[in-house]
C-alpha atoms as a PDB file:
ATOM      1  CA  MET A   1       0.000   0.000   0.000  1.00  0.00           C
ATOM      2  CA  THR A   2       1.473   3.362  -0.975  1.00  0.00           C
ATOM      3  CA  ALA A   3       1.142   6.649   0.871  1.00  0.00           C
ATOM      4  CA  ALA A   4      -0.906   9.463  -0.605  1.00  0.00           C
ATOM      5  CA  GLY A   5       1.871  12.034  -0.583  1.00  0.00           C
ATOM      6  CA  SER A   6       3.752  14.432   1.648  1.00  0.00           C
ATOM      7  CA  VAL A   7       0.529  15.820   3.137  1.00  0.00           C
ATOM      8  CA  GLY A   8      -0.023  12.527   4.951  1.00  0.00           C
ATOM      9  CA  THR A   9      -2.082   9.409   4.428  1.00  0.00           C
ATOM     10  CA  LEU A  10      -5.145  11.106   2.967  1.00  0.00           C
ATOM     11  CA  GLY A  11      -6.308   8.063   1.114  1.00  0.00           C
ATOM     12  CA  ALA A  12      -3.804   5.285   0.565  1.00  0.00           C
ATOM     13  CA  ILE A  13      -5.664   2.271  -0.767  1.00  0.00           C
ATOM     14  CA  SER A  14      -5.024  -1.245  -2.002  1.00  0.00           C
ATOM     15  CA  THR A  15      -5.072  -1.801  -5.752  1.00  0.00           C
ATOM     16  CA  GLY A  16      -6.013  -4.755  -7.860  1.00  0.00           C
ATOM     17  CA  GLU A  17      -2.381  -5.212  -8.757  1.00  0.00           C
ATOM     18  CA  GLU A  18      -1.457  -5.709  -5.102  1.00  0.00           C
ATOM     19  CA  HIS A  19      -4.108  -8.302  -4.362  1.00  0.00           C
ATOM     20  CA  LYS A  20      -7.239  -9.348  -6.136  1.00  0.00           C
ATOM     21  CA  ARG A  21     -10.567  -9.594  -4.374  1.00  0.00           C
ATOM     22  CA  ASN A  22     -11.049 -13.285  -3.581  1.00  0.00           C
ATOM     23  CA  LYS A  23     -13.423 -12.594  -0.709  1.00  0.00           C
ATOM     24  CA  ALA A  24     -16.088 -10.091   0.253  1.00  0.00           C
ATOM     25  CA  HIS A  25     -14.918  -6.843   1.827  1.00  0.00           C
ATOM     26  CA  ILE A  26     -17.378  -5.449   4.340  1.00  0.00           C
ATOM     27  CA  ALA A  27     -17.019  -1.920   5.714  1.00  0.00           C
ATOM     28  CA  ILE A  28     -18.973  -0.045   8.373  1.00  0.00           C
ATOM     29  CA  THR A  29     -18.961   3.739   7.991  1.00  0.00           C
ATOM     30  CA  PHE A  30     -20.350   6.543  10.175  1.00  0.00           C
ATOM     31  CA  ASP A  31     -20.820  10.135   9.025  1.00  0.00           C
ATOM     32  CA  LEU A  32     -20.188  12.417  11.996  1.00  0.00           C
ATOM     33  CA  GLU A  33     -22.870  15.058  11.516  1.00  0.00           C
ATOM     34  CA  MET A  34     -26.263  16.012  12.882  1.00  0.00           C
ATOM     35  CA  SER A  35     -29.368  14.971  10.931  1.00  0.00           C
ATOM     36  CA  ARG A  36     -32.628  16.795  10.416  1.00  0.00           C
ATOM     37  CA  HIS A  37     -35.652  15.363  12.266  1.00  0.00           C
ATOM     38  CA  TYR A  38     -33.470  13.823  14.985  1.00  0.00           C
ATOM     39  CA  PRO A  39     -33.707  13.198  17.856  1.00  0.00           C
ATOM     40  CA  LYS A  40     -37.320  14.193  17.133  1.00  0.00           C
ATOM     41  CA  ARG A  41     -39.328  15.108  14.056  1.00  0.00           C
ATOM     42  CA  GLY A  42     -39.452  18.752  13.099  1.00  0.00           C
ATOM     43  CA  MET A  43     -35.883  19.554  14.145  1.00  0.00           C
ATOM     44  CA  LEU A  44     -34.450  21.336  11.094  1.00  0.00           C
ATOM     45  CA  GLU A  45     -31.861  23.607  12.692  1.00  0.00           C
ATOM     46  CA  TRP A  46     -29.213  20.921  12.188  1.00  0.00           C
ATOM     47  CA  ASP A  47     -29.259  21.795   8.470  1.00  0.00           C
ATOM     48  CA  TYR A  48     -27.425  24.967   9.493  1.00  0.00           C
ATOM     49  CA  GLN A  49     -25.302  23.392  12.247  1.00  0.00           C
ATOM     50  CA  LYS A  50     -24.257  20.035  10.817  1.00  0.00           C
ATOM     51  CA  GLY A  51     -21.106  19.881  12.910  1.00  0.00           C
ATOM     52  CA  ASN A  52     -22.638  20.790  16.268  1.00  0.00           C
ATOM     53  CA  LEU A  53     -22.862  17.216  17.516  1.00  0.00           C
ATOM     54  CA  ASP A  54     -24.948  16.703  20.636  1.00  0.00           C
ATOM     55  CA  GLU A  55     -23.752  14.641  23.573  1.00  0.00           C
ATOM     56  CA  ALA A  56     -25.935  11.629  22.730  1.00  0.00           C
ATOM     57  CA  THR A  57     -24.458  11.408  19.223  1.00  0.00           C
ATOM     58  CA  LYS A  58     -20.890  11.627  20.470  1.00  0.00           C
ATOM     59  CA  LYS A  59     -21.471   9.031  23.168  1.00  0.00           C
ATOM     60  CA  TYR A  60     -23.116   6.684  20.683  1.00  0.00           C
ATOM     61  CA  SER A  61     -20.183   7.050  18.283  1.00  0.00           C
ATOM     62  CA  VAL A  62     -17.704   6.007  20.969  1.00  0.00           C
ATOM     63  CA  GLU A  63     -19.913   3.083  22.006  1.00  0.00           C
ATOM     64  CA  ALA A  64     -20.258   1.938  18.400  1.00  0.00           C
ATOM     65  CA  ALA A  65     -16.498   2.085  17.902  1.00  0.00           C
ATOM     66  CA  ASN A  66     -16.015  -0.112  20.969  1.00  0.00           C
ATOM     67  CA  VAL A  67     -18.731  -2.576  19.884  1.00  0.00           C
ATOM     68  CA  ALA A  68     -17.094  -2.923  16.483  1.00  0.00           C
ATOM     69  CA  ARG A  69     -13.584  -3.248  17.892  1.00  0.00           C
ATOM     70  CA  GLU A  70     -14.690  -6.017  20.278  1.00  0.00           C
ATOM     71  CA  ARG A  71     -15.871  -7.921  17.204  1.00  0.00           C
ATOM     72  CA  GLY A  72     -12.688  -7.414  15.232  1.00  0.00           C
ATOM     73  CA  ALA A  73     -14.032  -4.588  13.072  1.00  0.00           C
ATOM     74  CA  LYS A  74     -13.155  -0.974  12.389  1.00  0.00           C
ATOM     75  CA  ILE A  75     -15.646   1.789  11.744  1.00  0.00           C
ATOM     76  CA  HIS A  76     -14.530   4.256   9.100  1.00  0.00           C
ATOM     77  CA  PHE A  77     -15.729   7.648  10.328  1.00  0.00           C
ATOM     78  CA  PHE A  78     -16.140  10.739   8.161  1.00  0.00           C
ATOM     79  CA  CYS A  79     -15.973  13.971  10.127  1.00  0.00           C
ATOM     80  CA  VAL A  80     -17.554  17.332   9.341  1.00  0.00           C
ATOM     81  CA  GLY A  81     -14.852  19.874  10.147  1.00  0.00           C
ATOM     82  CA  ARG A  82     -16.985  22.118  12.352  1.00  0.00           C
ATOM     83  CA  VAL A  83     -17.081  19.254  14.860  1.00  0.00           C
ATOM     84  CA  LEU A  84     -13.524  20.271  15.748  1.00  0.00           C
ATOM     85  CA  GLU A  85     -14.727  23.707  16.949  1.00  0.00           C
ATOM     86  CA  GLN A  86     -16.386  22.208  20.020  1.00  0.00           C
ATOM     87  CA  ALA A  87     -14.762  22.752  23.408  1.00  0.00           C
ATOM     88  CA  ASN A  88     -14.145  19.073  24.155  1.00  0.00           C
ATOM     89  CA  ILE A  89     -13.118  16.640  21.430  1.00  0.00           C
ATOM     90  CA  ASP A  90     -11.676  13.909  23.649  1.00  0.00           C
ATOM     91  CA  TRP A  91     -14.326  11.533  22.320  1.00  0.00           C
ATOM     92  CA  ILE A  92     -13.042  11.646  18.739  1.00  0.00           C
ATOM     93  CA  LYS A  93      -9.459  11.295  19.951  1.00  0.00           C
ATOM     94  CA  GLN A  94     -10.587   8.181  21.807  1.00  0.00           C
ATOM     95  CA  ILE A  95     -12.106   6.772  18.624  1.00  0.00           C
ATOM     96  CA  ALA A  96      -8.911   7.408  16.671  1.00  0.00           C
ATOM     97  CA  ALA A  97      -6.779   5.893  19.437  1.00  0.00           C
ATOM     98  CA  GLY A  98      -8.870   2.736  19.091  1.00  0.00           C
ATOM     99  CA  GLY A  99      -7.596   2.295  15.541  1.00  0.00           C
ATOM    100  CA  HIS A 100     -10.656   3.547  13.682  1.00  0.00           C
ATOM    101  CA  PRO A 101      -9.829   5.590  10.549  1.00  0.00           C
ATOM    102  CA  ILE A 102     -11.334   9.059  10.214  1.00  0.00           C
ATOM    103  CA  GLY A 103     -11.902  10.746   6.882  1.00  0.00           C
ATOM    104  CA  ASN A 104     -12.816  14.182   5.543  1.00  0.00           C
ATOM    105  CA  HIS A 105     -16.524  15.059   5.146  1.00  0.00           C
ATOM    106  CA  THR A 106     -15.950  18.769   4.315  1.00  0.00           C
ATOM    107  CA  TYR A 107     -16.064  21.544   6.888  1.00  0.00           C
ATOM    108  CA  ASP A 108     -19.697  22.641   6.533  1.00  0.00           C
ATOM    109  CA  HIS A 109     -21.233  19.561   4.868  1.00  0.00           C
ATOM    110  CA  VAL A 110     -21.193  21.252   1.479  1.00  0.00           C
ATOM    111  CA  ASN A 111     -22.646  20.002  -1.778  1.00  0.00           C
ATOM    112  CA  VAL A 112     -19.598  19.406  -3.962  1.00  0.00           C
ATOM    113  CA  LEU A 113     -21.816  19.277  -7.059  1.00  0.00           C
ATOM    114  CA  ALA A 114     -23.379  22.687  -6.382  1.00  0.00           C
ATOM    115  CA  LYS A 115     -23.777  24.976  -9.400  1.00  0.00           C
ATOM    116  CA  THR A 116     -24.974  28.057  -7.489  1.00  0.00           C
ATOM    117  CA  SER A 117     -23.919  29.552  -4.163  1.00  0.00           C
ATOM    118  CA  GLU A 118     -27.412  28.850  -2.788  1.00  0.00           C
ATOM    119  CA  GLU A 119     -26.896  25.136  -3.412  1.00  0.00           C
ATOM    120  CA  VAL A 120     -23.618  24.925  -1.521  1.00  0.00           C
ATOM    121  CA  GLN A 121     -25.066  24.644   2.004  1.00  0.00           C
ATOM    122  CA  PHE A 122     -28.019  25.850   4.083  1.00  0.00           C
ATOM    123  CA  ARG A 123     -25.629  27.809   6.291  1.00  0.00           C
ATOM    124  CA  PHE A 124     -24.652  30.030   3.375  1.00  0.00           C
ATOM    125  CA  GLN A 125     -28.286  30.622   2.433  1.00  0.00           C
ATOM    126  CA  ARG A 126     -28.866  32.056   5.901  1.00  0.00           C
ATOM    127  CA  SER A 127     -25.503  33.835   6.058  1.00  0.00           C
ATOM    128  CA  PRO A 128     -24.520  34.554   2.432  1.00  0.00           C
ATOM    129  CA  TRP A 129     -21.854  37.085   3.492  1.00  0.00           C
ATOM    130  CA  LEU A 130     -19.661  34.167   4.589  1.00  0.00           C
ATOM    131  CA  ILE A 131     -18.910  33.312   0.971  1.00  0.00           C
ATOM    132  CA  LYS A 132     -19.695  36.612  -0.756  1.00  0.00           C
ATOM    133  CA  GLY A 133     -17.339  37.349  -3.632  1.00  0.00           C
ATOM    134  CA  ARG A 134     -15.896  33.834  -3.654  1.00  0.00           C
ATOM    135  CA  SER A 135     -16.297  31.278  -6.406  1.00  0.00           C
ATOM    136  CA  ILE A 136     -18.000  27.971  -5.679  1.00  0.00           C
ATOM    137  CA  GLU A 137     -14.765  26.197  -6.560  1.00  0.00           C
ATOM    138  CA  ASP A 138     -12.888  28.244  -3.967  1.00  0.00           C
ATOM    139  CA  VAL A 139     -15.503  27.573  -1.276  1.00  0.00           C
ATOM    140  CA  LEU A 140     -15.432  23.835  -1.917  1.00  0.00           C
ATOM    141  CA  ARG A 141     -11.647  23.641  -2.024  1.00  0.00           C
ATOM    142  CA  GLU A 142     -11.343  25.538   1.250  1.00  0.00           C
ATOM    143  CA  ASN A 143     -14.038  23.420   2.926  1.00  0.00           C
ATOM    144  CA  ILE A 144     -12.097  20.270   2.134  1.00  0.00           C
ATOM    145  CA  ARG A 145      -8.682  21.719   2.970  1.00  0.00           C
ATOM    146  CA  LEU A 146      -9.736  23.139   6.347  1.00  0.00           C
ATOM    147  CA  THR A 147     -11.190  19.828   7.498  1.00  0.00           C
ATOM    148  CA  SER A 148      -7.916  18.000   6.943  1.00  0.00           C
ATOM    149  CA  ILE A 149      -6.068  20.778   8.756  1.00  0.00           C
ATOM    150  CA  ALA A 150      -8.517  20.810  11.669  1.00  0.00           C
ATOM    151  CA  LEU A 151      -8.324  17.060  12.184  1.00  0.00           C
ATOM    152  CA  LYS A 152      -4.530  17.201  12.295  1.00  0.00           C
ATOM    153  CA  GLN A 153      -4.042  20.379  14.353  1.00  0.00           C
ATOM    154  CA  ARG A 154      -6.877  19.967  16.834  1.00  0.00           C
ATOM    155  CA  ALA A 155      -7.035  16.195  17.220  1.00  0.00           C
ATOM    156  CA  GLY A 156      -3.715  14.891  15.894  1.00  0.00           C
ATOM    157  CA  ILE A 157      -5.567  12.779  13.339  1.00  0.00           C
ATOM    158  CA  GLU A 158      -4.176  12.055   9.883  1.00  0.00           C
ATOM    159  CA  VAL A 159      -7.190  12.236   7.606  1.00  0.00           C
ATOM    160  CA  ASN A 160      -8.011   8.956   5.871  1.00  0.00           C
ATOM    161  CA  GLY A 161     -10.073   9.365   2.723  1.00  0.00           C
ATOM    162  CA  PHE A 162     -12.882  11.649   1.592  1.00  0.00           C
ATOM    163  CA  ARG A 163     -16.656  11.310   1.482  1.00  0.00           C
ATOM    164  CA  THR A 164     -18.844  13.811  -0.264  1.00  0.00           C
ATOM    165  CA  PRO A 165     -21.928  14.901   1.674  1.00  0.00           C
ATOM    166  CA  GLY A 166     -25.160  13.565   0.242  1.00  0.00           C
ATOM    167  CA  GLY A 167     -23.732  11.338  -2.435  1.00  0.00           C
ATOM    168  CA  SER A 168     -25.085  11.118  -5.972  1.00  0.00           C
ATOM    169  CA  SER A 169     -26.162   8.337  -8.308  1.00  0.00           C
ATOM    170  CA  ASN A 170     -23.257   9.051 -10.683  1.00  0.00           C
ATOM    171  CA  GLY A 171     -20.635   9.866  -8.091  1.00  0.00           C
ATOM    172  CA  LEU A 172     -18.129  12.269  -9.656  1.00  0.00           C
ATOM    173  CA  ILE A 173     -18.601  11.074 -13.239  1.00  0.00           C
ATOM    174  CA  GLY A 174     -18.495  14.156 -15.444  1.00  0.00           C
ATOM    175  CA  ARG A 175     -16.942  16.251 -12.664  1.00  0.00           C
ATOM    176  CA  GLU A 176     -13.286  15.964 -13.480  1.00  0.00           C
ATOM    177  CA  ASP A 177     -12.794  19.322 -11.750  1.00  0.00           C
ATOM    178  CA  ILE A 178     -13.826  17.876  -8.372  1.00  0.00           C
ATOM    179  CA  GLN A 179     -11.780  14.741  -8.988  1.00  0.00           C
ATOM    180  CA  GLN A 180      -8.709  16.890  -9.630  1.00  0.00           C
ATOM    181  CA  MET A 181      -9.466  19.035  -6.580  1.00  0.00           C
ATOM    182  CA  LEU A 182      -9.350  15.928  -4.399  1.00  0.00           C
ATOM    183  CA  LEU A 183      -6.246  14.526  -6.081  1.00  0.00           C
ATOM    184  CA  THR A 184      -4.479  17.857  -5.667  1.00  0.00           C
ATOM    185  CA  GLN A 185      -5.213  17.768  -1.931  1.00  0.00           C
ATOM    186  CA  GLY A 186      -3.595  14.345  -1.665  1.00  0.00           C
ATOM    187  CA  PHE A 187      -6.588  12.015  -1.759  1.00  0.00           C
ATOM    188  CA  THR A 188      -6.341   8.853  -3.825  1.00  0.00           C
ATOM    189  CA  TRP A 189      -9.894   7.636  -3.150  1.00  0.00           C
ATOM    190  CA  ALA A 190     -13.290   9.044  -2.347  1.00  0.00           C
ATOM    191  CA  SER A 191     -16.732   7.748  -1.431  1.00  0.00           C
ATOM    192  CA  CYS A 192     -19.207   9.763  -3.503  1.00  0.00           C
ATOM    193  CA  LYS A 193     -21.561   7.448  -5.375  1.00  0.00           C
ATOM    194  CA  TYR A 194     -24.879   6.290  -3.913  1.00  0.00           C
ATOM    195  CA  PRO A 195     -26.813   4.337  -6.558  1.00  0.00           C
ATOM    196  CA  SER A 196     -30.442   5.264  -7.133  1.00  0.00           C
ATOM    197  CA  PHE A 197     -33.178   2.667  -6.732  1.00  0.00           C
ATOM    198  CA  ASN A 198     -36.909   2.363  -6.188  1.00  0.00           C
ATOM    199  CA  ARG A 199     -37.297   2.561  -2.418  1.00  0.00           C
ATOM    200  CA  GLY A 200     -41.049   2.152  -2.201  1.00  0.00           C
ATOM    201  CA  LYS A 201     -43.401   4.581  -0.484  1.00  0.00           C
ATOM    202  CA  PRO A 202     -43.047   6.214   2.949  1.00  0.00           C
ATOM    203  CA  ARG A 203     -44.842   4.478   5.810  1.00  0.00           C
ATOM    204  CA  GLU A 204     -45.378   1.340   3.707  1.00  0.00           C
ATOM    205  CA  ALA A 205     -43.634  -1.913   4.549  1.00  0.00           C
ATOM    206  CA  PRO A 206     -40.866  -2.695   2.037  1.00  0.00           C
ATOM    207  CA  THR A 207     -41.950  -5.356  -0.430  1.00  0.00           C
ATOM    208  CA  ASP A 208     -39.880  -8.137  -1.971  1.00  0.00           C
ATOM    209  CA  GLU A 209     -39.582  -5.891  -5.014  1.00  0.00           C
ATOM    210  CA  VAL A 210     -38.051  -3.117  -2.912  1.00  0.00           C
ATOM    211  CA  PHE A 211     -35.474  -5.504  -1.479  1.00  0.00           C
ATOM    212  CA  ALA A 212     -34.733  -6.745  -5.012  1.00  0.00           C
ATOM    213  CA  ASN A 213     -34.248  -3.138  -6.130  1.00  0.00           C
ATOM    214  CA  ILE A 214     -31.786  -2.582  -3.299  1.00  0.00           C
ATOM    215  CA  LEU A 215     -29.803  -5.636  -4.363  1.00  0.00           C
ATOM    216  CA  ARG A 216     -29.680  -4.385  -7.961  1.00  0.00           C
ATOM    217  CA  ALA A 217     -28.365  -1.056  -6.703  1.00  0.00           C
ATOM    218  CA  GLN A 218     -25.837  -2.843  -4.503  1.00  0.00           C
ATOM    219  CA  ALA A 219     -24.422  -4.567  -7.573  1.00  0.00           C
ATOM    220  CA  GLU A 220     -23.721  -1.055  -8.925  1.00  0.00           C
ATOM    221  CA  ALA A 221     -22.134   0.078  -5.667  1.00  0.00           C
ATOM    222  CA  GLN A 222     -18.767  -1.524  -6.385  1.00  0.00           C
ATOM    223  CA  PRO A 223     -15.389   0.255  -6.450  1.00  0.00           C
ATOM    224  CA  PHE A 224     -14.018   1.619  -9.700  1.00  0.00           C
ATOM    225  CA  ARG A 225     -11.424   4.070 -10.921  1.00  0.00           C
ATOM    226  CA  TYR A 226     -12.231   7.347 -12.668  1.00  0.00           C
ATOM    227  CA  LYS A 227     -10.162   8.256 -15.724  1.00  0.00           C
ATOM    228  CA  SER A 228      -8.346  10.799 -13.553  1.00  0.00           C
ATOM    229  CA  GLY A 229      -6.993   7.941 -11.428  1.00  0.00           C
ATOM    230  CA  LEU A 230      -9.136   8.757  -8.400  1.00  0.00           C
ATOM    231  CA  VAL A 231     -10.713   5.624  -6.922  1.00  0.00           C
ATOM    232  CA  GLU A 232     -14.422   5.605  -6.104  1.00  0.00           C
ATOM    233  CA  ILE A 233     -15.778   3.450  -3.271  1.00  0.00           C
ATOM    234  CA  PRO A 234     -19.557   3.840  -3.424  1.00  0.00           C
ATOM    235  CA  MET A 235     -21.897   3.942  -0.460  1.00  0.00           C
ATOM    236  CA  SER A 236     -24.182   0.923  -0.314  1.00  0.00           C
ATOM    237  CA  PRO A 237     -27.952   1.117  -0.153  1.00  0.00           C
ATOM    238  CA  ILE A 238     -29.951   1.451   1.929  1.00  0.00           C
ATOM    239  CA  SER A 239     -28.700   4.194   4.240  1.00  0.00           C
ATOM    240  CA  ASP A 240     -30.253   4.858   7.635  1.00  0.00           C
ATOM    241  CA  ASP A 241     -31.505   8.318   6.655  1.00  0.00           C
ATOM    242  CA  HIS A 242     -33.445   6.918   3.700  1.00  0.00           C
ATOM    243  CA  ALA A 243     -34.760   3.901   5.619  1.00  0.00           C
ATOM    244  CA  PHE A 244     -35.705   5.633   8.865  1.00  0.00           C
ATOM    245  CA  ARG A 245     -36.050   9.339   8.165  1.00  0.00           C
ATOM    246  CA  ASP A 246     -37.586   9.231   4.686  1.00  0.00           C
ATOM    247  CA  LEU A 247     -39.425   5.905   4.591  1.00  0.00           C
ATOM    248  CA  PHE A 248     -40.237   5.420   8.305  1.00  0.00           C
ATOM    249  CA  TRP A 249     -39.015   1.804   8.269  1.00  0.00           C
ATOM    250  CA  SER A 250     -38.873  -0.199  11.469  1.00  0.00           C
ATOM    251  CA  ARG A 251     -35.541  -1.420  12.806  1.00  0.00           C
ATOM    252  CA  LYS A 252     -36.583  -4.972  11.943  1.00  0.00           C
ATOM    253  CA  GLN A 253     -37.112  -4.001   8.297  1.00  0.00           C
ATOM    254  CA  PHE A 254     -33.764  -2.190   8.194  1.00  0.00           C
ATOM    255  CA  LEU A 255     -31.937  -5.182   9.653  1.00  0.00           C
ATOM    256  CA  LYS A 256     -33.589  -7.452   7.089  1.00  0.00           C
ATOM    257  CA  ALA A 257     -32.224  -5.268   4.299  1.00  0.00           C
ATOM    258  CA  ILE A 258     -28.732  -5.354   5.827  1.00  0.00           C
ATOM    259  CA  ARG A 259     -28.813  -9.134   6.126  1.00  0.00           C
ATOM    260  CA  ILE A 260     -29.888  -9.586   2.508  1.00  0.00           C
ATOM    261  CA  ILE A 261     -27.212  -7.221   1.194  1.00  0.00           C
ATOM    262  CA  VAL A 262     -24.342  -8.572   3.289  1.00  0.00           C
ATOM    263  CA  GLU A 263     -25.229 -12.145   2.364  1.00  0.00           C
ATOM    264  CA  TRP A 264     -25.271 -11.120  -1.313  1.00  0.00           C
ATOM    265  CA  ALA A 265     -21.871  -9.453  -0.955  1.00  0.00           C
ATOM    266  CA  ILE A 266     -20.398 -12.522   0.709  1.00  0.00           C
ATOM    267  CA  GLU A 267     -21.787 -14.853  -1.948  1.00  0.00           C
ATOM    268  CA  ASN A 268     -20.482 -12.651  -4.776  1.00  0.00           C
ATOM    269  CA  GLU A 269     -17.087 -11.706  -3.250  1.00  0.00           C
ATOM    270  CA  ALA A 270     -18.224  -8.093  -3.468  1.00  0.00           C
ATOM    271  CA  VAL A 271     -17.881  -4.904  -1.437  1.00  0.00           C
ATOM    272  CA  PHE A 272     -20.469  -3.638   1.031  1.00  0.00           C
ATOM    273  CA  ASP A 273     -20.065  -0.104   2.412  1.00  0.00           C
ATOM    274  CA  PHE A 274     -22.625   0.309   5.204  1.00  0.00           C
ATOM    275  CA  LEU A 275     -23.561   3.995   5.463  1.00  0.00           C
ATOM    276  CA  CYS A 276     -25.147   5.392   8.592  1.00  0.00           C
ATOM    277  CA  HIS A 277     -25.217   8.412  10.893  1.00  0.00           C
ATOM    278  CA  PRO A 278     -24.836   8.138  14.673  1.00  0.00           C
ATOM    279  CA  SER A 279     -27.224  11.077  15.123  1.00  0.00           C
ATOM    280  CA  ILE A 280     -29.929   8.856  13.586  1.00  0.00           C
ATOM    281  CA  MET A 281     -28.821   5.461  14.839  1.00  0.00           C
ATOM    282  CA  VAL A 282     -28.735   6.583  18.485  1.00  0.00           C
ATOM    283  CA  VAL A 283     -32.522   6.879  18.196  1.00  0.00           C
ATOM    284  CA  GLU A 284     -33.324   4.056  15.778  1.00  0.00           C
ATOM    285  CA  ASP A 285     -30.756   1.441  16.854  1.00  0.00           C
ATOM    286  CA  PRO A 286     -29.658   2.313  20.395  1.00  0.00           C
ATOM    287  CA  HIS A 287     -28.117  -1.107  21.082  1.00  0.00           C
ATOM    288  CA  HIS A 288     -26.016  -1.276  17.883  1.00  0.00           C
ATOM    289  CA  GLU A 289     -27.912  -4.229  16.427  1.00  0.00           C
ATOM    290  CA  ALA A 290     -26.882  -3.335  12.877  1.00  0.00           C
ATOM    291  CA  ILE A 291     -23.163  -3.415  13.660  1.00  0.00           C
ATOM    292  CA  LYS A 292     -23.518  -6.651  15.594  1.00  0.00           C
ATOM    293  CA  LEU A 293     -25.454  -8.242  12.721  1.00  0.00           C
ATOM    294  CA  ILE A 294     -22.861  -7.260  10.135  1.00  0.00           C
ATOM    295  CA  CYS A 295     -20.002  -8.539  12.277  1.00  0.00           C
ATOM    296  CA  ASP A 296     -21.819 -11.799  13.020  1.00  0.00           C
ATOM    297  CA  LEU A 297     -22.538 -12.446   9.334  1.00  0.00           C
ATOM    298  CA  VAL A 298     -18.886 -11.911   8.438  1.00  0.00           C
ATOM    299  CA  ARG A 299     -17.697 -14.102  11.292  1.00  0.00           C
ATOM    300  CA  LYS A 300     -20.051 -16.933  10.290  1.00  0.00           C
ATOM    301  CA  SER A 301     -18.790 -16.745   6.693  1.00  0.00           C
ATOM    302  CA  GLY A 302     -15.361 -18.006   7.731  1.00  0.00           C
ATOM    303  CA  ASP A 303     -12.726 -16.883   5.233  1.00  0.00           C
ATOM    304  CA  LYS A 304     -15.312 -15.776   2.670  1.00  0.00           C
ATOM    305  CA  ALA A 305     -15.458 -12.202   3.990  1.00  0.00           C
ATOM    306  CA  GLU A 306     -13.357  -9.641   5.832  1.00  0.00           C
ATOM    307  CA  LEU A 307     -14.245  -6.570   7.885  1.00  0.00           C
ATOM    308  CA  VAL A 308     -12.169  -3.620   6.659  1.00  0.00           C
ATOM    309  CA  GLY A 309     -11.834   0.139   6.547  1.00  0.00           C
ATOM    310  CA  LEU A 310     -12.516   1.715   3.166  1.00  0.00           C
ATOM    311  CA  ASP A 311      -8.781   2.285   2.667  1.00  0.00           C
ATOM    312  CA  GLN A 312      -8.240  -1.490   2.797  1.00  0.00           C
ATOM    313  CA  ILE A 313     -10.609  -2.342  -0.039  1.00  0.00           C
ATOM    314  CA  PRO A 314      -8.810  -3.591  -3.161  1.00  0.00           C
ATOM    315  CA  VAL A 315      -9.786  -2.123  -6.513  1.00  0.00           C
ATOM    316  CA  VAL A 316      -9.921  -4.967  -9.000  1.00  0.00           C
END
């Protein structure tokens, strides 16, 4: 595995040349940000304060890291930079000390595909003077750069990889400018693609067809390399915000989806990148059943699967 450059290990990753995928690679990832409608419906202020993590979310993140570590797994965290402005960040230092990699999730949770300043982030809609006179490219570049700096200076953490807020069905295809922006800042891989699929209707139990749609999308959520050389490691469906916040699924329904997808990944020697948010999961899955299920499925598979950080996933 090669380092990402003099700026530190921003995204060193295995390549197909170094070892081919002869087993499933299963990753658990947490986006460290606050989520609208949590911990109760109607809470929208988090759209403007994505990095102002509450105590319950921070505690849950530490607990989840410990649960995963006890089962031989790492959680790959992606941190919004404004998290580092809080008075006490011992909790994230504790996570890093436990061997869990922490990546860059931009400073303000910005939309890297934004075409207008209004689309960049809710914070800048409310306070447009913060970016007045600056190009979107400059705002995005600075948001990414400052997060890597903040993690290193405030927490002593070498940033490991990049995840774009939101994700998109095409990832960064057609956005060579963003690919180059990330490469220039030392990243060799990013997690940006979230395949689209028919999720069914809110407040309706997911049908067999919905689960089949998720599996079809999962087959598209496999790592690949852009022409620029940047590696893409897609987020796997279905995320907790779509399942719980948008569709009002039960935890039982969510766990069923996870089981189906992980079993498919194991059978097909594929990659599964479990995407969730501790600000949501602390309410919907307080006892970490999803993490335990994933770890148990991998353990029962014997040598057919491996629990890894995103930086350990080979690109075939």
